[in-house]
Amino acid sequence: MVVGNWRLALLVGVVAVAMADEQYVIWRSSAVSGFDWEPTSGVYYSKEDCDQAIEARRRRIARALTFLRRIGADAAVQSAVGDRVYECRPTVTSSPPDRLKAPESP
């Protein structure tokens, strides 16, 4: 009976670790890219870390915009820098196999 409880506890622990192993990446979009979403570099091991990284990016962009305004940059340059949108999304671990694709010949 004790052995059965030990195995169950181990199974629950492995499942909990596997579920907590989700990683996040920052996706960005802007008018320059036609508002297409694209991933940025860097992987975050929790949603909170990813959200903090987004806030840090927003602060850097705000400082850059302040600098651009101070030196008299025109509105087009300011909008190219300031219109970015960020979002945290889980990473894609692997792509599903393409079953309809014909095998490639060597």
C-alpha atoms as a PDB file:
ATOM      1  CA  MET A   1       0.000   0.000   0.000  1.00  0.00           C
ATOM      2  CA  VAL A   2       2.835   2.415   0.806  1.00  0.00           C
ATOM      3  CA  VAL A   3       4.526   1.638  -2.540  1.00  0.00           C
ATOM      4  CA  GLY A   4       1.358   2.515  -4.451  1.00  0.00           C
ATOM      5  CA  ASN A   5       1.086   5.897  -2.693  1.00  0.00           C
ATOM      6  CA  TRP A   6       4.735   6.647  -3.485  1.00  0.00           C
ATOM      7  CA  ARG A   7       4.190   5.979  -7.197  1.00  0.00           C
ATOM      8  CA  LEU A   8       1.070   8.138  -7.263  1.00  0.00           C
ATOM      9  CA  ALA A   9       2.938  11.002  -5.569  1.00  0.00           C
ATOM     10  CA  LEU A  10       5.777  10.692  -8.076  1.00  0.00           C
ATOM     11  CA  LEU A  11       3.349  10.723 -11.001  1.00  0.00           C
ATOM     12  CA  VAL A  12       1.559  13.814  -9.658  1.00  0.00           C
ATOM     13  CA  GLY A  13       4.919  15.541  -9.136  1.00  0.00           C
ATOM     14  CA  VAL A  14       6.099  14.799 -12.683  1.00  0.00           C
ATOM     15  CA  VAL A  15       2.831  16.052 -14.173  1.00  0.00           C
ATOM     16  CA  ALA A  16       2.999  19.248 -12.078  1.00  0.00           C
ATOM     17  CA  VAL A  17       6.569  19.956 -13.214  1.00  0.00           C
ATOM     18  CA  ALA A  18       5.678  19.309 -16.846  1.00  0.00           C
ATOM     19  CA  MET A  19       2.741  21.703 -16.674  1.00  0.00           C
ATOM     20  CA  ALA A  20       4.825  24.401 -14.990  1.00  0.00           C
ATOM     21  CA  ASP A  21       7.499  24.092 -17.676  1.00  0.00           C
ATOM     22  CA  GLU A  22       5.649  26.365 -20.102  1.00  0.00           C
ATOM     23  CA  GLN A  23       7.833  29.092 -21.547  1.00  0.00           C
ATOM     24  CA  TYR A  24       6.793  32.454 -22.953  1.00  0.00           C
ATOM     25  CA  VAL A  25       8.093  34.685 -25.688  1.00  0.00           C
ATOM     26  CA  ILE A  26       7.324  38.313 -26.515  1.00  0.00           C
ATOM     27  CA  TRP A  27       5.508  38.897 -29.805  1.00  0.00           C
ATOM     28  CA  ARG A  28       5.502  42.357 -31.352  1.00  0.00           C
ATOM     29  CA  SER A  29       3.547  44.157 -34.002  1.00  0.00           C
ATOM     30  CA  SER A  30       3.865  47.627 -35.521  1.00  0.00           C
ATOM     31  CA  ALA A  31       2.738  49.715 -38.453  1.00  0.00           C
ATOM     32  CA  VAL A  32       6.177  49.280 -40.018  1.00  0.00           C
ATOM     33  CA  SER A  33       5.626  45.516 -40.229  1.00  0.00           C
ATOM     34  CA  GLY A  34       2.054  45.932 -41.453  1.00  0.00           C
ATOM     35  CA  PHE A  35       0.749  44.928 -38.023  1.00  0.00           C
ATOM     36  CA  ASP A  36       1.916  41.353 -38.580  1.00  0.00           C
ATOM     37  CA  TRP A  37       2.870  39.633 -35.338  1.00  0.00           C
ATOM     38  CA  GLU A  38       6.438  38.359 -35.076  1.00  0.00           C
ATOM     39  CA  PRO A  39       8.316  36.809 -32.136  1.00  0.00           C
ATOM     40  CA  THR A  40      11.235  38.597 -30.548  1.00  0.00           C
ATOM     41  CA  SER A  41      14.360  36.928 -29.243  1.00  0.00           C
ATOM     42  CA  GLY A  42      14.452  35.647 -25.713  1.00  0.00           C
ATOM     43  CA  VAL A  43      12.457  33.075 -23.768  1.00  0.00           C
ATOM     44  CA  TYR A  44      10.888  33.711 -20.370  1.00  0.00           C
ATOM     45  CA  TYR A  45      10.108  30.944 -17.908  1.00  0.00           C
ATOM     46  CA  SER A  46       7.003  32.583 -16.463  1.00  0.00           C
ATOM     47  CA  LYS A  47       4.247  34.906 -17.622  1.00  0.00           C
ATOM     48  CA  GLU A  48       5.233  37.402 -14.926  1.00  0.00           C
ATOM     49  CA  ASP A  49       8.834  37.594 -16.213  1.00  0.00           C
ATOM     50  CA  CYS A  50       7.543  38.101 -19.738  1.00  0.00           C
ATOM     51  CA  ASP A  51       5.170  40.865 -18.616  1.00  0.00           C
ATOM     52  CA  GLN A  52       8.006  42.585 -16.747  1.00  0.00           C
ATOM     53  CA  ALA A  53      10.166  42.451 -19.867  1.00  0.00           C
ATOM     54  CA  ILE A  54       7.359  44.076 -21.870  1.00  0.00           C
ATOM     55  CA  GLU A  55       7.100  46.875 -19.308  1.00  0.00           C
ATOM     56  CA  ALA A  56      10.869  47.402 -19.529  1.00  0.00           C
ATOM     57  CA  ARG A  57      10.604  47.655 -23.326  1.00  0.00           C
ATOM     58  CA  ARG A  58       7.800  50.196 -23.020  1.00  0.00           C
ATOM     59  CA  ARG A  59       9.886  52.311 -20.640  1.00  0.00           C
ATOM     60  CA  ARG A  60      12.851  52.239 -23.060  1.00  0.00           C
ATOM     61  CA  ILE A  61      10.590  53.252 -25.948  1.00  0.00           C
ATOM     62  CA  ALA A  62       9.127  56.097 -23.887  1.00  0.00           C
ATOM     63  CA  ARG A  63      12.657  57.361 -23.182  1.00  0.00           C
ATOM     64  CA  ALA A  64      13.541  57.082 -26.876  1.00  0.00           C
ATOM     65  CA  LEU A  65      10.411  59.017 -27.858  1.00  0.00           C
ATOM     66  CA  THR A  66      11.219  61.730 -25.326  1.00  0.00           C
ATOM     67  CA  PHE A  67      14.696  62.024 -26.828  1.00  0.00           C
ATOM     68  CA  LEU A  68      13.326  62.132 -30.393  1.00  0.00           C
ATOM     69  CA  ARG A  69      10.903  64.911 -29.454  1.00  0.00           C
ATOM     70  CA  ARG A  70      13.687  66.849 -27.775  1.00  0.00           C
ATOM     71  CA  ILE A  71      15.891  66.772 -30.868  1.00  0.00           C
ATOM     72  CA  GLY A  72      12.963  67.685 -33.123  1.00  0.00           C
ATOM     73  CA  ALA A  73      12.365  64.427 -34.978  1.00  0.00           C
ATOM     74  CA  ASP A  74       9.304  64.501 -37.170  1.00  0.00           C
ATOM     75  CA  ALA A  75       6.077  62.650 -36.395  1.00  0.00           C
ATOM     76  CA  ALA A  76       6.789  59.859 -38.919  1.00  0.00           C
ATOM     77  CA  VAL A  77       9.964  58.830 -37.095  1.00  0.00           C
ATOM     78  CA  GLN A  78       8.223  59.070 -33.744  1.00  0.00           C
ATOM     79  CA  SER A  79       5.324  56.893 -34.881  1.00  0.00           C
ATOM     80  CA  ALA A  80       7.723  54.303 -36.352  1.00  0.00           C
ATOM     81  CA  VAL A  81       9.299  53.956 -32.922  1.00  0.00           C
ATOM     82  CA  GLY A  82       6.245  54.448 -30.749  1.00  0.00           C
ATOM     83  CA  ASP A  83       3.475  52.414 -32.362  1.00  0.00           C
ATOM     84  CA  ARG A  84       4.749  48.988 -31.343  1.00  0.00           C
ATOM     85  CA  VAL A  85       2.405  46.586 -29.573  1.00  0.00           C
ATOM     86  CA  TYR A  86       3.733  43.749 -27.401  1.00  0.00           C
ATOM     87  CA  GLU A  87       2.115  40.569 -26.130  1.00  0.00           C
ATOM     88  CA  CYS A  88       3.326  37.540 -24.155  1.00  0.00           C
ATOM     89  CA  ARG A  89       2.446  34.190 -25.693  1.00  0.00           C
ATOM     90  CA  PRO A  90       3.459  30.629 -24.866  1.00  0.00           C
ATOM     91  CA  THR A  91       6.238  29.246 -27.016  1.00  0.00           C
ATOM     92  CA  VAL A  92       5.437  26.680 -29.642  1.00  0.00           C
ATOM     93  CA  THR A  93       7.354  23.547 -28.772  1.00  0.00           C
ATOM     94  CA  SER A  94       7.093  21.827 -32.117  1.00  0.00           C
ATOM     95  CA  SER A  95       5.096  22.087 -35.272  1.00  0.00           C
ATOM     96  CA  PRO A  96       2.670  19.328 -36.151  1.00  0.00           C
ATOM     97  CA  PRO A  97       3.831  17.040 -38.938  1.00  0.00           C
ATOM     98  CA  ASP A  98       2.626  17.955 -42.385  1.00  0.00           C
ATOM     99  CA  ARG A  99       0.871  14.773 -43.488  1.00  0.00           C
ATOM    100  CA  LEU A 100      -0.199  16.094 -46.865  1.00  0.00           C
ATOM    101  CA  LYS A 101       3.308  16.955 -47.988  1.00  0.00           C
ATOM    102  CA  ALA A 102       4.944  14.505 -50.356  1.00  0.00           C
ATOM    103  CA  PRO A 103       8.278  13.079 -49.231  1.00  0.00           C
ATOM    104  CA  GLU A 104      11.280  14.797 -50.772  1.00  0.00           C
ATOM    105  CA  SER A 105      13.482  12.819 -53.078  1.00  0.00           C
ATOM    106  CA  PRO A 106      17.234  12.794 -52.324  1.00  0.00           C
END
